[in-house]
N, C-alpha and C. Protein backbone atom coordinates (compact mmCIF):
# COMPACT_ATOMS: atom_id res chain seq x y z
N MET A 1 -8.82 -28.68 21.66
CA MET A 1 -9.85 -27.67 21.46
C MET A 1 -9.93 -27.38 19.96
N PRO A 2 -11.13 -27.42 19.37
CA PRO A 2 -11.27 -27.12 17.95
C PRO A 2 -10.85 -25.69 17.64
N MET A 3 -10.37 -25.47 16.42
CA MET A 3 -9.85 -24.16 16.01
C MET A 3 -10.87 -23.05 16.25
N GLN A 4 -12.14 -23.27 15.88
CA GLN A 4 -13.13 -22.21 16.01
C GLN A 4 -13.44 -21.86 17.47
N ASP A 5 -13.10 -22.75 18.40
CA ASP A 5 -13.35 -22.50 19.82
C ASP A 5 -12.16 -21.86 20.53
N ARG A 6 -11.02 -21.80 19.86
CA ARG A 6 -9.84 -21.21 20.49
C ARG A 6 -9.93 -19.69 20.44
N PRO A 7 -9.39 -19.03 21.44
CA PRO A 7 -9.37 -17.57 21.42
C PRO A 7 -8.58 -17.08 20.20
N THR A 8 -8.96 -15.92 19.69
CA THR A 8 -8.33 -15.37 18.49
C THR A 8 -6.82 -15.25 18.63
N HIS A 9 -6.34 -14.83 19.79
CA HIS A 9 -4.90 -14.63 19.95
C HIS A 9 -4.11 -15.92 19.91
N ASP A 10 -4.77 -17.08 20.01
CA ASP A 10 -4.08 -18.36 19.93
C ASP A 10 -4.05 -18.93 18.52
N ARG A 11 -4.79 -18.33 17.61
CA ARG A 11 -4.86 -18.85 16.25
C ARG A 11 -3.58 -18.52 15.50
N PRO A 12 -3.12 -19.48 14.71
CA PRO A 12 -1.93 -19.19 13.90
C PRO A 12 -2.27 -18.13 12.85
N THR A 13 -1.31 -17.29 12.56
CA THR A 13 -1.53 -16.27 11.54
C THR A 13 -0.64 -16.55 10.34
N ARG A 14 -1.13 -16.16 9.19
CA ARG A 14 -0.35 -16.31 7.98
C ARG A 14 0.15 -14.94 7.57
N ALA A 15 1.41 -14.87 7.27
CA ALA A 15 1.97 -13.60 6.80
C ALA A 15 1.46 -13.36 5.38
N ARG A 16 1.00 -12.14 5.14
CA ARG A 16 0.54 -11.79 3.81
C ARG A 16 1.73 -11.43 2.94
N GLN A 17 1.71 -11.93 1.73
CA GLN A 17 2.75 -11.55 0.79
C GLN A 17 2.38 -10.18 0.24
N GLN A 18 3.31 -9.26 0.29
CA GLN A 18 3.04 -7.91 -0.20
C GLN A 18 3.03 -7.91 -1.71
N ARG A 19 1.98 -7.31 -2.27
CA ARG A 19 1.88 -7.20 -3.72
C ARG A 19 2.11 -5.75 -4.11
N GLY A 20 2.92 -5.54 -5.10
CA GLY A 20 3.17 -4.19 -5.58
C GLY A 20 4.16 -3.44 -4.72
N ALA A 21 4.45 -2.26 -5.16
CA ALA A 21 5.39 -1.40 -4.44
C ALA A 21 4.77 -0.90 -3.14
N PRO A 22 5.58 -0.75 -2.10
CA PRO A 22 5.04 -0.18 -0.87
C PRO A 22 4.86 1.33 -1.02
N CYS A 23 3.90 1.87 -0.31
CA CYS A 23 3.74 3.32 -0.29
C CYS A 23 3.76 3.76 1.17
N THR A 24 4.01 5.02 1.39
CA THR A 24 4.03 5.53 2.76
C THR A 24 2.62 5.94 3.16
N LEU A 25 2.44 6.12 4.45
CA LEU A 25 1.15 6.59 4.96
C LEU A 25 0.82 7.95 4.36
N ALA A 26 1.80 8.83 4.27
CA ALA A 26 1.58 10.18 3.71
C ALA A 26 1.14 10.09 2.24
N GLU A 27 1.77 9.20 1.47
CA GLU A 27 1.38 9.03 0.07
C GLU A 27 -0.05 8.52 -0.05
N PHE A 28 -0.40 7.54 0.76
CA PHE A 28 -1.75 6.97 0.75
C PHE A 28 -2.78 8.03 1.12
N LYS A 29 -2.50 8.76 2.17
CA LYS A 29 -3.39 9.82 2.64
C LYS A 29 -3.63 10.86 1.55
N GLN A 30 -2.56 11.28 0.90
CA GLN A 30 -2.66 12.29 -0.15
C GLN A 30 -3.35 11.74 -1.39
N ARG A 31 -3.02 10.52 -1.76
CA ARG A 31 -3.58 9.91 -2.98
C ARG A 31 -5.10 9.85 -2.93
N TYR A 32 -5.67 9.61 -1.75
CA TYR A 32 -7.12 9.47 -1.62
C TYR A 32 -7.75 10.60 -0.82
N ASN A 33 -6.99 11.65 -0.53
CA ASN A 33 -7.50 12.81 0.20
C ASN A 33 -8.21 12.38 1.49
N LEU A 34 -7.50 11.58 2.29
CA LEU A 34 -8.06 11.04 3.53
C LEU A 34 -7.63 11.85 4.73
N GLY A 35 -8.44 11.79 5.76
CA GLY A 35 -8.07 12.39 7.03
C GLY A 35 -7.05 11.52 7.75
N ASP A 36 -6.41 12.09 8.75
CA ASP A 36 -5.36 11.38 9.49
C ASP A 36 -5.85 10.05 10.07
N GLU A 37 -6.98 10.09 10.75
CA GLU A 37 -7.47 8.91 11.46
C GLU A 37 -7.85 7.79 10.50
N GLU A 38 -8.60 8.12 9.45
CA GLU A 38 -9.02 7.09 8.49
C GLU A 38 -7.82 6.50 7.77
N ALA A 39 -6.90 7.35 7.33
CA ALA A 39 -5.72 6.87 6.62
C ALA A 39 -4.89 5.94 7.51
N LEU A 40 -4.67 6.32 8.75
CA LEU A 40 -3.88 5.49 9.66
C LEU A 40 -4.57 4.16 9.92
N ASP A 41 -5.88 4.17 10.14
CA ASP A 41 -6.63 2.94 10.39
C ASP A 41 -6.51 1.97 9.22
N LEU A 42 -6.77 2.44 8.01
CA LEU A 42 -6.72 1.57 6.84
C LEU A 42 -5.31 1.09 6.56
N PHE A 43 -4.34 1.99 6.68
CA PHE A 43 -2.94 1.65 6.43
C PHE A 43 -2.47 0.60 7.43
N THR A 44 -2.87 0.73 8.68
CA THR A 44 -2.48 -0.22 9.72
C THR A 44 -3.11 -1.59 9.47
N ARG A 45 -4.37 -1.60 9.08
CA ARG A 45 -5.08 -2.87 8.87
C ARG A 45 -4.70 -3.58 7.58
N PHE A 46 -4.40 -2.82 6.52
CA PHE A 46 -4.19 -3.44 5.22
C PHE A 46 -2.76 -3.37 4.71
N GLY A 47 -1.89 -2.67 5.41
CA GLY A 47 -0.47 -2.65 5.06
C GLY A 47 -0.12 -1.65 3.99
N PRO A 48 1.17 -1.59 3.67
CA PRO A 48 1.67 -0.57 2.76
C PRO A 48 1.60 -0.92 1.27
N SER A 49 1.05 -2.08 0.92
CA SER A 49 1.01 -2.49 -0.47
C SER A 49 0.14 -1.55 -1.30
N GLU A 50 0.75 -0.91 -2.29
CA GLU A 50 0.02 0.03 -3.14
C GLU A 50 -1.16 -0.67 -3.84
N ILE A 51 -0.95 -1.88 -4.31
CA ILE A 51 -2.00 -2.63 -4.99
C ILE A 51 -3.14 -2.94 -4.04
N GLU A 52 -2.82 -3.45 -2.86
CA GLU A 52 -3.87 -3.79 -1.89
C GLU A 52 -4.68 -2.56 -1.48
N LEU A 53 -4.00 -1.46 -1.24
CA LEU A 53 -4.70 -0.24 -0.84
C LEU A 53 -5.56 0.30 -1.97
N ASP A 54 -5.07 0.23 -3.21
CA ASP A 54 -5.86 0.68 -4.35
C ASP A 54 -7.10 -0.19 -4.53
N LEU A 55 -6.94 -1.51 -4.38
CA LEU A 55 -8.09 -2.41 -4.47
C LEU A 55 -9.11 -2.12 -3.38
N LEU A 56 -8.63 -1.88 -2.17
CA LEU A 56 -9.50 -1.56 -1.05
C LEU A 56 -10.31 -0.30 -1.33
N MET A 57 -9.62 0.73 -1.78
CA MET A 57 -10.29 2.01 -2.00
C MET A 57 -11.26 1.93 -3.18
N THR A 58 -10.94 1.14 -4.19
CA THR A 58 -11.86 0.93 -5.31
C THR A 58 -13.13 0.23 -4.81
N ALA A 59 -12.95 -0.78 -3.95
CA ALA A 59 -14.10 -1.49 -3.39
C ALA A 59 -14.97 -0.57 -2.53
N LYS A 60 -14.34 0.40 -1.89
CA LYS A 60 -15.08 1.36 -1.07
C LYS A 60 -15.70 2.47 -1.92
N GLY A 61 -15.40 2.47 -3.23
CA GLY A 61 -15.95 3.47 -4.13
C GLY A 61 -15.25 4.82 -4.06
N LYS A 62 -14.02 4.82 -3.58
CA LYS A 62 -13.27 6.08 -3.47
C LYS A 62 -12.27 6.17 -4.61
N ARG A 63 -12.24 7.32 -5.24
CA ARG A 63 -11.32 7.55 -6.36
C ARG A 63 -10.08 8.27 -5.88
N LYS A 64 -9.02 8.10 -6.66
CA LYS A 64 -7.78 8.81 -6.35
C LYS A 64 -8.02 10.30 -6.53
N ALA A 65 -7.40 11.08 -5.67
CA ALA A 65 -7.51 12.54 -5.78
C ALA A 65 -6.75 12.99 -7.04
N ALA A 66 -7.24 14.04 -7.66
CA ALA A 66 -6.58 14.57 -8.85
C ALA A 66 -5.20 15.09 -8.48
N LYS A 67 -4.24 14.78 -9.32
CA LYS A 67 -2.88 15.28 -9.07
C LYS A 67 -2.80 16.73 -9.49
N GLU A 68 -2.11 17.52 -8.67
CA GLU A 68 -1.91 18.91 -9.01
C GLU A 68 -0.82 19.00 -10.06
N PRO A 69 -0.99 19.90 -11.03
CA PRO A 69 0.05 20.04 -12.07
C PRO A 69 1.36 20.53 -11.49
N MET A 70 2.45 20.01 -12.03
CA MET A 70 3.78 20.41 -11.57
C MET A 70 4.11 21.76 -12.20
N GLY A 71 4.80 22.60 -11.47
CA GLY A 71 5.25 23.81 -12.11
C GLY A 71 5.23 24.98 -11.29
């Protein structure tokens, strides 16, 4: 059976090499001021790579939330 005709679950998958430091879901959510559902969806689909998530959010036109001053 040709590859394009096989069901998706039968296709071989390639493990993605993680680029950059990993971040937590909470960090990602806070960094972009995201709601629970959106943050979890994106984090689940694109993984914990800080670089990948930053590239994704830049492509979506979303900026990092301003950091609150320490003190």
